[in-house]
C-alpha atoms as a PDB file:
ATOM      1  CA  GLY A   1    -113.487  43.635 -31.928  1.00  0.00           C
ATOM      2  CA  LEU A   2    -113.463  47.224 -31.864  1.00  0.00           C
ATOM      3  CA  LEU A   3    -110.896  47.122 -28.728  1.00  0.00           C
ATOM      4  CA  GLY A   4    -108.597  44.933 -30.670  1.00  0.00           C
ATOM      5  CA  GLU A   5    -108.687  47.057 -33.425  1.00  0.00           C
ATOM      6  CA  LEU A   6    -108.205  50.085 -31.132  1.00  0.00           C
ATOM      7  CA  VAL A   7    -105.043  48.425 -29.683  1.00  0.00           C
ATOM      8  CA  VAL A   8    -103.659  47.710 -33.314  1.00  0.00           C
ATOM      9  CA  MET A   9    -104.181  51.348 -34.315  1.00  0.00           C
ATOM     10  CA  LEU A  10    -102.077  52.574 -31.739  1.00  0.00           C
ATOM     11  CA  GLY A  11     -99.264  50.238 -32.955  1.00  0.00           C
ATOM     12  CA  GLY A  12     -99.606  47.504 -30.134  1.00  0.00           C
ATOM     13  CA  GLY A  13    -100.814  44.906 -32.950  1.00  0.00           C
ATOM     14  CA  ARG A  14    -100.157  43.652 -36.122  1.00  0.00           C
ATOM     15  CA  ARG A  15    -102.066  43.817 -39.639  1.00  0.00           C
ATOM     16  CA  ALA A  16     -99.886  41.761 -41.464  1.00  0.00           C
ATOM     17  CA  LYS A  17     -96.904  39.566 -40.636  1.00  0.00           C
ATOM     18  CA  GLY A  18     -93.638  41.543 -40.239  1.00  0.00           C
ATOM     19  CA  GLU A  19     -95.309  44.810 -38.809  1.00  0.00           C
ATOM     20  CA  SER A  20     -93.629  45.975 -35.687  1.00  0.00           C
ATOM     21  CA  ILE A  21     -95.172  46.139 -32.530  1.00  0.00           C
ATOM     22  CA  ASP A  22     -94.703  49.229 -29.992  1.00  0.00           C
ATOM     23  CA  PRO A  23     -94.785  47.478 -26.725  1.00  0.00           C
ATOM     24  CA  ALA A  24     -95.268  50.982 -25.043  1.00  0.00           C
ATOM     25  CA  VAL A  25     -98.759  51.421 -26.236  1.00  0.00           C
ATOM     26  CA  GLY A  26    -102.238  49.690 -25.727  1.00  0.00           C
ATOM     27  CA  LEU A  27    -105.289  49.651 -23.478  1.00  0.00           C
ATOM     28  CA  GLU A  28    -105.605  49.070 -19.903  1.00  0.00           C
ATOM     29  CA  MET A  29    -108.978  48.122 -19.145  1.00  0.00           C
ATOM     30  CA  TYR A  30    -110.070  48.961 -15.340  1.00  0.00           C
ATOM     31  CA  VAL A  31    -113.853  47.378 -15.555  1.00  0.00           C
ATOM     32  CA  GLU A  32    -115.086  44.143 -17.093  1.00  0.00           C
ATOM     33  CA  ARG A  33    -117.988  43.835 -19.273  1.00  0.00           C
ATOM     34  CA  GLY A  34    -121.243  44.069 -17.060  1.00  0.00           C
ATOM     35  CA  GLN A  35    -119.201  45.374 -14.242  1.00  0.00           C
ATOM     36  CA  TYR A  36    -121.267  47.832 -12.087  1.00  0.00           C
ATOM     37  CA  VAL A  37    -119.529  51.481 -12.167  1.00  0.00           C
ATOM     38  CA  MET A  38    -120.415  54.793 -10.828  1.00  0.00           C
ATOM     39  CA  ARG A  39    -120.023  58.564 -12.346  1.00  0.00           C
ATOM     40  CA  GLY A  40    -116.595  59.470 -12.627  1.00  0.00           C
ATOM     41  CA  ASP A  41    -115.050  55.873 -12.021  1.00  0.00           C
ATOM     42  CA  ASP A  42    -111.891  55.140 -14.202  1.00  0.00           C
ATOM     43  CA  LEU A  43    -112.935  52.510 -17.110  1.00  0.00           C
ATOM     44  CA  ALA A  44    -109.676  52.533 -18.995  1.00  0.00           C
ATOM     45  CA  VAL A  45    -106.353  53.918 -19.638  1.00  0.00           C
ATOM     46  CA  VAL A  46    -105.237  54.470 -23.193  1.00  0.00           C
ATOM     47  CA  HIS A  47    -101.492  54.224 -23.441  1.00  0.00           C
ATOM     48  CA  ALA A  48    -100.409  56.023 -26.852  1.00  0.00           C
ATOM     49  CA  GLY A  49     -97.445  57.222 -28.573  1.00  0.00           C
ATOM     50  CA  SER A  50     -98.684  60.915 -29.383  1.00  0.00           C
ATOM     51  CA  ALA A  51    -101.631  63.058 -28.344  1.00  0.00           C
ATOM     52  CA  ASP A  52    -103.430  62.592 -31.632  1.00  0.00           C
ATOM     53  CA  ASP A  53    -103.261  58.815 -31.526  1.00  0.00           C
ATOM     54  CA  ALA A  54    -104.727  58.986 -27.964  1.00  0.00           C
ATOM     55  CA  GLU A  55    -107.255  61.521 -28.708  1.00  0.00           C
ATOM     56  CA  GLN A  56    -108.481  58.977 -31.971  1.00  0.00           C
ATOM     57  CA  ALA A  57    -108.359  56.136 -29.421  1.00  0.00           C
ATOM     58  CA  VAL A  58    -110.606  57.381 -26.510  1.00  0.00           C
ATOM     59  CA  LYS A  59    -112.986  58.122 -29.264  1.00  0.00           C
ATOM     60  CA  THR A  60    -112.821  54.764 -30.378  1.00  0.00           C
ATOM     61  CA  LEU A  61    -113.360  53.517 -26.857  1.00  0.00           C
ATOM     62  CA  GLN A  62    -116.269  55.796 -26.127  1.00  0.00           C
ATOM     63  CA  LYS A  63    -118.005  54.191 -29.220  1.00  0.00           C
ATOM     64  CA  ALA A  64    -117.329  50.639 -27.759  1.00  0.00           C
ATOM     65  CA  VAL A  65    -118.297  51.203 -24.673  1.00  0.00           C
ATOM     66  CA  GLU A  66    -122.049  51.353 -23.211  1.00  0.00           C
ATOM     67  CA  ILE A  67    -123.128  52.247 -19.796  1.00  0.00           C
ATOM     68  CA  GLY A  68    -126.933  51.363 -18.799  1.00  0.00           C
ATOM     69  CA  GLU A  69    -129.128  50.993 -16.244  1.00  0.00           C
ATOM     70  CA  ALA A  70    -129.225  47.325 -16.270  1.00  0.00           C
ATOM     71  CA  ALA A  71    -126.126  44.945 -17.226  1.00  0.00           C
ATOM     72  CA  PRO A  72    -125.905  43.313 -20.440  1.00  0.00           C
ATOM     73  CA  LYS A  73    -126.448  39.951 -21.050  1.00  0.00           C
ATOM     74  CA  LEU A  74    -123.193  37.982 -21.686  1.00  0.00           C
ATOM     75  CA  PRO A  75    -122.458  35.311 -24.230  1.00  0.00           C
ATOM     76  CA  SER A  76    -121.216  31.852 -22.915  1.00  0.00           C
ATOM     77  CA  LEU A  77    -117.418  31.973 -23.226  1.00  0.00           C
ATOM     78  CA  VAL A  78    -117.510  28.439 -24.511  1.00  0.00           C
ATOM     79  CA  ARG A  79    -119.788  28.038 -27.706  1.00  0.00           C
ATOM     80  CA  GLU A  80    -119.168  24.237 -28.079  1.00  0.00           C
ATOM     81  CA  ARG A  81    -117.429  21.358 -27.159  1.00  0.00           C
ATOM     82  CA  VAL A  82    -115.507  19.099 -29.335  1.00  0.00           C
ATOM     83  CA  THR A  83    -115.561  15.232 -27.704  1.00  0.00           C
ATOM     84  CA  GLY A  84    -114.328  12.744 -29.884  1.00  0.00           C
ATOM     85  CA  ASN A  85    -115.802  12.642 -33.214  1.00  0.00           C
ATOM     86  CA  HIS A  86    -119.172  14.658 -31.841  1.00  0.00           C
ATOM     87  CA  THR A  87    -119.650  18.537 -31.416  1.00  0.00           C
ATOM     88  CA  LYS A  88    -122.076  19.100 -28.095  1.00  0.00           C
ATOM     89  CA  PRO A  89    -123.363  23.036 -27.874  1.00  0.00           C
END
């Protein structure tokens, strides 16, 4: 997803085997999807290696987050169950 790509862009993940990971960068989310928030609440903290990276990460984060009047309908975390030789929705 977009937030995972944001972490990779900061250097906290890999696109290819052998790429280094910077353990000092990343995204710290303070809220969960669908959680009630109020104006002024901190939603996340971006840990970046430079001011330019932080600025780009904040722009990406703003695109990824939508705040509305009602909580979104959240998809099920379990798409299907596999038991024996059968798959059940």
